[in-house]
């Protein structure tokens, strides 16, 4: 079964992209809330809005969509370059 793709471009805020990146890295909503210093309910709302915007049914489908459309990058999984996302690997 494949997810349908909306015919109009999807616009995500920087915060929404940031949350998708954290979901893609395996963080729970509570972990995301703590990392971003926001409430878990705010994270829940962001994820709900993102799922609605992207027409994805769950977090796994969302991560697949984000990888496919270059919204997130994971080491050795997606080679896209995001201008607003800067990560430093190997530094504590």
PDB file of N, CA and C in Angstrom:
ATOM      1  N   UNK A   1       0.841  -1.169   0.000  1.00  0.00           N
ATOM      2  CA  UNK A   1       0.000   0.000   0.000  1.00  0.00           C
ATOM      3  C   UNK A   1       0.889   1.236   0.000  1.00  0.00           C
ATOM      4  N   UNK A   2       0.615   2.185  -0.857  1.00  0.00           N
ATOM      5  CA  UNK A   2       1.410   3.400  -0.931  1.00  0.00           C
ATOM      6  C   UNK A   2       0.586   4.576  -0.450  1.00  0.00           C
ATOM      7  N   UNK A   3       1.265   5.554   0.105  1.00  0.00           N
ATOM      8  CA  UNK A   3       0.624   6.777   0.551  1.00  0.00           C
ATOM      9  C   UNK A   3       0.436   7.687  -0.651  1.00  0.00           C
ATOM     10  N   UNK A   4      -0.667   8.419  -0.684  1.00  0.00           N
ATOM     11  CA  UNK A   4      -0.880   9.358  -1.774  1.00  0.00           C
ATOM     12  C   UNK A   4      -0.068  10.614  -1.526  1.00  0.00           C
ATOM     13  N   UNK A   5       0.322  11.272  -2.603  1.00  0.00           N
ATOM     14  CA  UNK A   5       1.093  12.493  -2.492  1.00  0.00           C
ATOM     15  C   UNK A   5       0.239  13.649  -2.961  1.00  0.00           C
ATOM     16  N   UNK A   6       0.096  14.686  -2.134  1.00  0.00           N
ATOM     17  CA  UNK A   6      -0.701  15.836  -2.531  1.00  0.00           C
ATOM     18  C   UNK A   6      -0.131  16.477  -3.787  1.00  0.00           C
ATOM     19  N   UNK A   7      -1.012  17.022  -4.629  1.00  0.00           N
ATOM     20  CA  UNK A   7      -0.565  17.626  -5.880  1.00  0.00           C
ATOM     21  C   UNK A   7      -0.009  19.026  -5.660  1.00  0.00           C
ATOM     22  N   UNK A   8      -0.350  19.668  -4.552  1.00  0.00           N
ATOM     23  CA  UNK A   8       0.178  20.991  -4.268  1.00  0.00           C
ATOM     24  C   UNK A   8       1.407  20.863  -3.370  1.00  0.00           C
ATOM     25  N   UNK A   9       2.350  21.798  -3.520  1.00  0.00           N
ATOM     26  CA  UNK A   9       3.555  21.732  -2.687  1.00  0.00           C
ATOM     27  C   UNK A   9       3.201  21.834  -1.203  1.00  0.00           C
ATOM     28  N   UNK A  10       3.938  21.128  -0.391  1.00  0.00           N
ATOM     29  CA  UNK A  10       3.718  21.139   1.052  1.00  0.00           C
ATOM     30  C   UNK A  10       4.708  22.112   1.669  1.00  0.00           C
ATOM     31  N   UNK A  11       4.189  23.048   2.445  1.00  0.00           N
ATOM     32  CA  UNK A  11       5.035  24.013   3.116  1.00  0.00           C
ATOM     33  C   UNK A  11       5.120  23.660   4.589  1.00  0.00           C
ATOM     34  N   UNK A  12       6.331  23.412   5.041  1.00  0.00           N
ATOM     35  CA  UNK A  12       6.567  23.110   6.447  1.00  0.00           C
ATOM     36  C   UNK A  12       7.398  24.223   7.061  1.00  0.00           C
ATOM     37  N   UNK A  13       7.086  24.561   8.302  1.00  0.00           N
ATOM     38  CA  UNK A  13       7.877  25.570   9.008  1.00  0.00           C
ATOM     39  C   UNK A  13       9.228  24.976   9.395  1.00  0.00           C
ATOM     40  N   UNK A  14      10.151  25.850   9.763  1.00  0.00           N
ATOM     41  CA  UNK A  14      11.466  25.371  10.215  1.00  0.00           C
ATOM     42  C   UNK A  14      11.302  24.466  11.434  1.00  0.00           C
ATOM     43  N   UNK A  15      10.389  24.811  12.333  1.00  0.00           N
ATOM     44  CA  UNK A  15      10.156  23.996  13.532  1.00  0.00           C
ATOM     45  C   UNK A  15       9.617  22.629  13.146  1.00  0.00           C
ATOM     46  N   UNK A  16       8.711  22.580  12.166  1.00  0.00           N
ATOM     47  CA  UNK A  16       8.163  21.296  11.729  1.00  0.00           C
ATOM     48  C   UNK A  16       9.247  20.415  11.125  1.00  0.00           C
ATOM     49  N   UNK A  17      10.114  20.995  10.322  1.00  0.00           N
ATOM     50  CA  UNK A  17      11.228  20.227   9.749  1.00  0.00           C
ATOM     51  C   UNK A  17      12.155  19.750  10.862  1.00  0.00           C
ATOM     52  N   UNK A  18      12.405  20.605  11.843  1.00  0.00           N
ATOM     53  CA  UNK A  18      13.241  20.230  12.982  1.00  0.00           C
ATOM     54  C   UNK A  18      12.632  19.036  13.723  1.00  0.00           C
ATOM     55  N   UNK A  19      11.333  19.059  13.917  1.00  0.00           N
ATOM     56  CA  UNK A  19      10.659  17.963  14.612  1.00  0.00           C
ATOM     57  C   UNK A  19      10.713  16.683  13.780  1.00  0.00           C
ATOM     58  N   UNK A  20      10.533  16.787  12.470  1.00  0.00           N
ATOM     59  CA  UNK A  20      10.632  15.598  11.616  1.00  0.00           C
ATOM     60  C   UNK A  20      12.034  14.999  11.721  1.00  0.00           C
ATOM     61  N   UNK A  21      13.061  15.848  11.741  1.00  0.00           N
ATOM     62  CA  UNK A  21      14.433  15.352  11.877  1.00  0.00           C
ATOM     63  C   UNK A  21      14.603  14.576  13.180  1.00  0.00           C
ATOM     64  N   UNK A  22      14.017  15.080  14.250  1.00  0.00           N
ATOM     65  CA  UNK A  22      14.141  14.409  15.542  1.00  0.00           C
ATOM     66  C   UNK A  22      13.351  13.108  15.564  1.00  0.00           C
ATOM     67  N   UNK A  23      12.188  13.093  14.931  1.00  0.00           N
ATOM     68  CA  UNK A  23      11.422  11.847  14.794  1.00  0.00           C
ATOM     69  C   UNK A  23      12.252  10.838  14.007  1.00  0.00           C
ATOM     70  N   UNK A  24      12.861  11.295  12.909  1.00  0.00           N
ATOM     71  CA  UNK A  24      13.678  10.412  12.066  1.00  0.00           C
ATOM     72  C   UNK A  24      14.870   9.848  12.827  1.00  0.00           C
ATOM     73  N   UNK A  25      15.326  10.570  13.840  1.00  0.00           N
ATOM     74  CA  UNK A  25      16.440  10.101  14.656  1.00  0.00           C
ATOM     75  C   UNK A  25      15.974   9.228  15.806  1.00  0.00           C
ATOM     76  N   UNK A  26      14.685   8.906  15.848  1.00  0.00           N
ATOM     77  CA  UNK A  26      14.177   7.952  16.819  1.00  0.00           C
ATOM     78  C   UNK A  26      13.725   8.518  18.148  1.00  0.00           C
ATOM     79  N   UNK A  27      13.628   9.832  18.256  1.00  0.00           N
ATOM     80  CA  UNK A  27      13.210  10.424  19.514  1.00  0.00           C
ATOM     81  C   UNK A  27      11.703  10.294  19.710  1.00  0.00           C
ATOM     82  N   UNK A  28      11.303  10.083  20.955  1.00  0.00           N
ATOM     83  CA  UNK A  28       9.879  10.076  21.301  1.00  0.00           C
ATOM     84  C   UNK A  28       9.399  11.520  21.406  1.00  0.00           C
ATOM     85  N   UNK A  29       8.083  11.700  21.485  1.00  0.00           N
ATOM     86  CA  UNK A  29       7.550  13.051  21.647  1.00  0.00           C
ATOM     87  C   UNK A  29       8.080  13.694  22.923  1.00  0.00           C
ATOM     88  N   UNK A  30       8.177  12.917  24.000  1.00  0.00           N
ATOM     89  CA  UNK A  30       8.706  13.451  25.260  1.00  0.00           C
ATOM     90  C   UNK A  30      10.169  13.862  25.099  1.00  0.00           C
ATOM     91  N   UNK A  31      10.961  13.034  24.412  1.00  0.00           N
ATOM     92  CA  UNK A  31      12.371  13.363  24.164  1.00  0.00           C
ATOM     93  C   UNK A  31      12.486  14.650  23.353  1.00  0.00           C
ATOM     94  N   UNK A  32      11.646  14.780  22.340  1.00  0.00           N
ATOM     95  CA  UNK A  32      11.660  15.979  21.486  1.00  0.00           C
ATOM     96  C   UNK A  32      11.313  17.205  22.323  1.00  0.00           C
ATOM     97  N   UNK A  33      10.284  17.078  23.160  1.00  0.00           N
ATOM     98  CA  UNK A  33       9.869  18.192  24.020  1.00  0.00           C
ATOM     99  C   UNK A  33      11.020  18.650  24.909  1.00  0.00           C
ATOM    100  N   UNK A  34      11.700  17.699  25.521  1.00  0.00           N
ATOM    101  CA  UNK A  34      12.817  18.043  26.398  1.00  0.00           C
ATOM    102  C   UNK A  34      13.957  18.686  25.619  1.00  0.00           C
ATOM    103  N   UNK A  35      14.269  18.147  24.458  1.00  0.00           N
ATOM    104  CA  UNK A  35      15.373  18.676  23.638  1.00  0.00           C
ATOM    105  C   UNK A  35      15.085  20.106  23.177  1.00  0.00           C
ATOM    106  N   UNK A  36      13.830  20.397  22.831  1.00  0.00           N
ATOM    107  CA  UNK A  36      13.467  21.711  22.307  1.00  0.00           C
ATOM    108  C   UNK A  36      12.949  22.656  23.386  1.00  0.00           C
ATOM    109  N   UNK A  37      12.865  22.175  24.617  1.00  0.00           N
ATOM    110  CA  UNK A  37      12.365  22.973  25.743  1.00  0.00           C
ATOM    111  C   UNK A  37      10.942  23.488  25.481  1.00  0.00           C
ATOM    112  N   UNK A  38      10.096  22.584  24.991  1.00  0.00           N
ATOM    113  CA  UNK A  38       8.676  22.876  24.798  1.00  0.00           C
ATOM    114  C   UNK A  38       7.883  21.744  25.437  1.00  0.00           C
ATOM    115  N   UNK A  39       6.576  21.926  25.553  1.00  0.00           N
ATOM    116  CA  UNK A  39       5.768  20.883  26.190  1.00  0.00           C
ATOM    117  C   UNK A  39       5.541  19.708  25.238  1.00  0.00           C
ATOM    118  N   UNK A  40       5.295  18.548  25.827  1.00  0.00           N
ATOM    119  CA  UNK A  40       4.987  17.363  25.033  1.00  0.00           C
ATOM    120  C   UNK A  40       3.721  17.599  24.221  1.00  0.00           C
ATOM    121  N   UNK A  41       2.757  18.296  24.797  1.00  0.00           N
ATOM    122  CA  UNK A  41       1.516  18.592  24.072  1.00  0.00           C
ATOM    123  C   UNK A  41       1.791  19.419  22.816  1.00  0.00           C
ATOM    124  N   UNK A  42       2.721  20.352  22.900  1.00  0.00           N
ATOM    125  CA  UNK A  42       3.092  21.152  21.720  1.00  0.00           C
ATOM    126  C   UNK A  42       3.703  20.254  20.656  1.00  0.00           C
ATOM    127  N   UNK A  43       4.554  19.325  21.069  1.00  0.00           N
ATOM    128  CA  UNK A  43       5.139  18.370  20.119  1.00  0.00           C
ATOM    129  C   UNK A  43       4.032  17.520  19.509  1.00  0.00           C
ATOM    130  N   UNK A  44       3.116  17.021  20.341  1.00  0.00           N
ATOM    131  CA  UNK A  44       1.983  16.232  19.832  1.00  0.00           C
ATOM    132  C   UNK A  44       1.227  17.012  18.762  1.00  0.00           C
ATOM    133  N   UNK A  45       0.971  18.296  19.037  1.00  0.00           N
ATOM    134  CA  UNK A  45       0.239  19.141  18.080  1.00  0.00           C
ATOM    135  C   UNK A  45       1.033  19.341  16.791  1.00  0.00           C
ATOM    136  N   UNK A  46       2.329  19.585  16.919  1.00  0.00           N
ATOM    137  CA  UNK A  46       3.168  19.748  15.727  1.00  0.00           C
ATOM    138  C   UNK A  46       3.121  18.480  14.874  1.00  0.00           C
ATOM    139  N   UNK A  47       3.283  17.331  15.497  1.00  0.00           N
ATOM    140  CA  UNK A  47       3.293  16.077  14.742  1.00  0.00           C
ATOM    141  C   UNK A  47       1.939  15.831  14.100  1.00  0.00           C
ATOM    142  N   UNK A  48       0.876  16.097  14.807  1.00  0.00           N
ATOM    143  CA  UNK A  48      -0.465  15.954  14.236  1.00  0.00           C
ATOM    144  C   UNK A  48      -0.629  16.858  13.008  1.00  0.00           C
ATOM    145  N   UNK A  49      -0.180  18.108  13.128  1.00  0.00           N
ATOM    146  CA  UNK A  49      -0.265  19.042  12.003  1.00  0.00           C
ATOM    147  C   UNK A  49       0.586  18.575  10.822  1.00  0.00           C
ATOM    148  N   UNK A  50       1.774  18.079  11.115  1.00  0.00           N
ATOM    149  CA  UNK A  50       2.670  17.585  10.061  1.00  0.00           C
ATOM    150  C   UNK A  50       2.040  16.395   9.352  1.00  0.00           C
ATOM    151  N   UNK A  51       1.482  15.463  10.114  1.00  0.00           N
ATOM    152  CA  UNK A  51       0.839  14.290   9.507  1.00  0.00           C
ATOM    153  C   UNK A  51      -0.335  14.718   8.626  1.00  0.00           C
ATOM    154  N   UNK A  52      -1.088  15.713   9.065  1.00  0.00           N
ATOM    155  CA  UNK A  52      -2.207  16.217   8.262  1.00  0.00           C
ATOM    156  C   UNK A  52      -1.701  16.877   6.985  1.00  0.00           C
ATOM    157  N   UNK A  53      -0.693  17.749   7.099  1.00  0.00           N
ATOM    158  CA  UNK A  53      -0.140  18.447   5.932  1.00  0.00           C
ATOM    159  C   UNK A  53       0.409  17.473   4.900  1.00  0.00           C
ATOM    160  N   UNK A  54       1.068  16.436   5.367  1.00  0.00           N
ATOM    161  CA  UNK A  54       1.729  15.504   4.451  1.00  0.00           C
ATOM    162  C   UNK A  54       0.837  14.343   4.028  1.00  0.00           C
ATOM    163  N   UNK A  55      -0.327  14.230   4.657  1.00  0.00           N
ATOM    164  CA  UNK A  55      -1.268  13.134   4.386  1.00  0.00           C
ATOM    165  C   UNK A  55      -0.654  11.773   4.698  1.00  0.00           C
ATOM    166  N   UNK A  56       0.228  11.739   5.684  1.00  0.00           N
ATOM    167  CA  UNK A  56       0.830  10.487   6.117  1.00  0.00           C
ATOM    168  C   UNK A  56       0.045   9.964   7.320  1.00  0.00           C
ATOM    169  N   UNK A  57      -0.029   8.653   7.435  1.00  0.00           N
ATOM    170  CA  UNK A  57      -0.848   8.042   8.467  1.00  0.00           C
ATOM    171  C   UNK A  57      -0.151   7.798   9.788  1.00  0.00           C
ATOM    172  N   UNK A  58       1.194   7.807   9.788  1.00  0.00           N
ATOM    173  CA  UNK A  58       1.927   7.524  11.025  1.00  0.00           C
ATOM    174  C   UNK A  58       3.359   8.024  10.905  1.00  0.00           C
ATOM    175  N   UNK A  59       4.107   7.881  11.995  1.00  0.00           N
ATOM    176  CA  UNK A  59       5.474   8.391  12.046  1.00  0.00           C
ATOM    177  C   UNK A  59       6.408   7.699  11.052  1.00  0.00           C
ATOM    178  N   UNK A  60       6.229   6.412  10.866  1.00  0.00           N
ATOM    179  CA  UNK A  60       7.081   5.679   9.926  1.00  0.00           C
ATOM    180  C   UNK A  60       6.859   6.197   8.506  1.00  0.00           C
ATOM    181  N   UNK A  61       5.599   6.336   8.121  1.00  0.00           N
ATOM    182  CA  UNK A  61       5.287   6.869   6.790  1.00  0.00           C
ATOM    183  C   UNK A  61       5.821   8.288   6.651  1.00  0.00           C
ATOM    184  N   UNK A  62       5.739   9.066   7.725  1.00  0.00           N
ATOM    185  CA  UNK A  62       6.245  10.438   7.693  1.00  0.00           C
ATOM    186  C   UNK A  62       7.755  10.469   7.448  1.00  0.00           C
ATOM    187  N   UNK A  63       8.497   9.617   8.140  1.00  0.00           N
ATOM    188  CA  UNK A  63       9.948   9.578   7.948  1.00  0.00           C
ATOM    189  C   UNK A  63      10.283   9.133   6.527  1.00  0.00           C
ATOM    190  N   UNK A  64       9.585   8.148   6.024  1.00  0.00           N
ATOM    191  CA  UNK A  64       9.809   7.713   4.631  1.00  0.00           C
ATOM    192  C   UNK A  64       9.544   8.859   3.667  1.00  0.00           C
ATOM    193  N   UNK A  65       8.445   9.578   3.873  1.00  0.00           N
ATOM    194  CA  UNK A  65       8.096  10.722   3.024  1.00  0.00           C
ATOM    195  C   UNK A  65       9.194  11.781   3.106  1.00  0.00           C
ATOM    196  N   UNK A  66       9.628  12.088   4.324  1.00  0.00           N
ATOM    197  CA  UNK A  66      10.644  13.126   4.523  1.00  0.00           C
ATOM    198  C   UNK A  66      11.961  12.761   3.848  1.00  0.00           C
ATOM    199  N   UNK A  67      12.343  11.496   3.909  1.00  0.00           N
ATOM    200  CA  UNK A  67      13.549  11.051   3.228  1.00  0.00           C
ATOM    201  C   UNK A  67      13.383  11.137   1.718  1.00  0.00           C
ATOM    202  N   UNK A  68      12.233  10.693   1.235  1.00  0.00           N
ATOM    203  CA  UNK A  68      11.975  10.704  -0.208  1.00  0.00           C
ATOM    204  C   UNK A  68      12.010  12.114  -0.785  1.00  0.00           C
ATOM    205  N   UNK A  69      11.463  13.064  -0.054  1.00  0.00           N
ATOM    206  CA  UNK A  69      11.357  14.431  -0.562  1.00  0.00           C
ATOM    207  C   UNK A  69      12.475  15.344  -0.077  1.00  0.00           C
ATOM    208  N   UNK A  70      13.493  14.772   0.554  1.00  0.00           N
ATOM    209  CA  UNK A  70      14.652  15.570   0.937  1.00  0.00           C
ATOM    210  C   UNK A  70      14.413  16.532   2.077  1.00  0.00           C
ATOM    211  N   UNK A  71      13.460  16.230   2.934  1.00  0.00           N
ATOM    212  CA  UNK A  71      13.173  17.098   4.079  1.00  0.00           C
ATOM    213  C   UNK A  71      14.098  16.812   5.252  1.00  0.00           C
ATOM    214  N   UNK A  72      14.626  15.607   5.316  1.00  0.00           N
ATOM    215  CA  UNK A  72      15.578  15.246   6.373  1.00  0.00           C
ATOM    216  C   UNK A  72      16.721  14.466   5.757  1.00  0.00           C
ATOM    217  N   UNK A  73      17.825  14.457   6.460  1.00  0.00           N
ATOM    218  CA  UNK A  73      18.996  13.688   6.046  1.00  0.00           C
ATOM    219  C   UNK A  73      19.424  12.804   7.210  1.00  0.00           C
ATOM    220  N   UNK A  74      19.665  11.564   6.911  1.00  0.00           N
ATOM    221  CA  UNK A  74      20.207  10.635   7.892  1.00  0.00           C
ATOM    222  C   UNK A  74      21.502  10.089   7.318  1.00  0.00           C
ATOM    223  N   UNK A  75      22.516   9.963   8.167  1.00  0.00           N
ATOM    224  CA  UNK A  75      23.811   9.463   7.701  1.00  0.00           C
ATOM    225  C   UNK A  75      23.651   8.190   6.890  1.00  0.00           C
ATOM    226  N   UNK A  76      24.246   8.189   5.717  1.00  0.00           N
ATOM    227  CA  UNK A  76      24.292   7.040   4.822  1.00  0.00           C
ATOM    228  C   UNK A  76      22.926   6.563   4.337  1.00  0.00           C
ATOM    229  N   UNK A  77      21.866   7.359   4.544  1.00  0.00           N
ATOM    230  CA  UNK A  77      20.541   6.985   4.068  1.00  0.00           C
ATOM    231  C   UNK A  77      20.055   7.968   3.023  1.00  0.00           C
ATOM    232  N   UNK A  78      20.342   9.232   3.206  1.00  0.00           N
ATOM    233  CA  UNK A  78      19.870  10.260   2.293  1.00  0.00           C
ATOM    234  C   UNK A  78      20.983  11.273   2.118  1.00  0.00           C
ATOM    235  N   UNK A  79      21.267  11.632   0.881  1.00  0.00           N
ATOM    236  CA  UNK A  79      22.409  12.499   0.623  1.00  0.00           C
ATOM    237  C   UNK A  79      22.012  13.941   0.352  1.00  0.00           C
ATOM    238  N   UNK A  80      20.817  14.326   0.735  1.00  0.00           N
ATOM    239  CA  UNK A  80      20.380  15.696   0.478  1.00  0.00           C
ATOM    240  C   UNK A  80      21.155  16.674   1.356  1.00  0.00           C
ATOM    241  N   UNK A  81      21.161  17.934   0.946  1.00  0.00           N
ATOM    242  CA  UNK A  81      21.797  18.981   1.722  1.00  0.00           C
ATOM    243  C   UNK A  81      20.726  19.993   2.081  1.00  0.00           C
ATOM    244  N   UNK A  82      20.539  20.205   3.366  1.00  0.00           N
ATOM    245  CA  UNK A  82      19.541  21.155   3.829  1.00  0.00           C
ATOM    246  C   UNK A  82      20.238  22.433   4.274  1.00  0.00           C
ATOM    247  N   UNK A  83      19.882  23.566   3.702  1.00  0.00           N
ATOM    248  CA  UNK A  83      20.566  24.806   4.051  1.00  0.00           C
ATOM    249  C   UNK A  83      20.328  25.249   5.486  1.00  0.00           C
ATOM    250  N   UNK A  84      19.170  24.881   6.088  1.00  0.00           N
ATOM    251  CA  UNK A  84      18.875  25.336   7.447  1.00  0.00           C
ATOM    252  C   UNK A  84      19.315  24.338   8.496  1.00  0.00           C
ATOM    253  N   UNK A  85      19.785  23.179   8.084  1.00  0.00           N
ATOM    254  CA  UNK A  85      20.169  22.141   9.048  1.00  0.00           C
ATOM    255  C   UNK A  85      21.675  21.972   9.037  1.00  0.00           C
ATOM    256  N   UNK A  86      22.300  22.266  10.167  1.00  0.00           N
ATOM    257  CA  UNK A  86      23.743  22.089  10.261  1.00  0.00           C
ATOM    258  C   UNK A  86      24.024  21.126  11.404  1.00  0.00           C
ATOM    259  N   UNK A  87      24.635  20.009  11.079  1.00  0.00           N
ATOM    260  CA  UNK A  87      24.962  19.056  12.130  1.00  0.00           C
ATOM    261  C   UNK A  87      26.463  18.864  12.157  1.00  0.00           C
ATOM    262  N   UNK A  88      26.979  18.670  13.351  1.00  0.00           N
ATOM    263  CA  UNK A  88      28.399  18.417  13.532  1.00  0.00           C
ATOM    264  C   UNK A  88      28.515  16.991  14.042  1.00  0.00           C
ATOM    265  N   UNK A  89      29.067  16.115  13.224  1.00  0.00           N
ATOM    266  CA  UNK A  89      29.198  14.718  13.595  1.00  0.00           C
ATOM    267  C   UNK A  89      30.474  14.498  14.395  1.00  0.00           C
ATOM    268  N   UNK A  90      30.355  13.639  15.394  1.00  0.00           N
ATOM    269  CA  UNK A  90      31.534  13.230  16.136  1.00  0.00           C
ATOM    270  C   UNK A  90      31.982  14.179  17.219  1.00  0.00           C
ATOM    271  N   UNK A  91      31.232  15.250  17.478  1.00  0.00           N
ATOM    272  CA  UNK A  91      31.613  16.168  18.530  1.00  0.00           C
ATOM    273  C   UNK A  91      30.606  16.082  19.658  1.00  0.00           C
ATOM    274  N   UNK A  92      31.090  16.156  20.871  1.00  0.00           N
ATOM    275  CA  UNK A  92      30.219  16.075  22.035  1.00  0.00           C
ATOM    276  C   UNK A  92      29.747  17.447  22.448  1.00  0.00           C
TER     277      UNK A  92
END
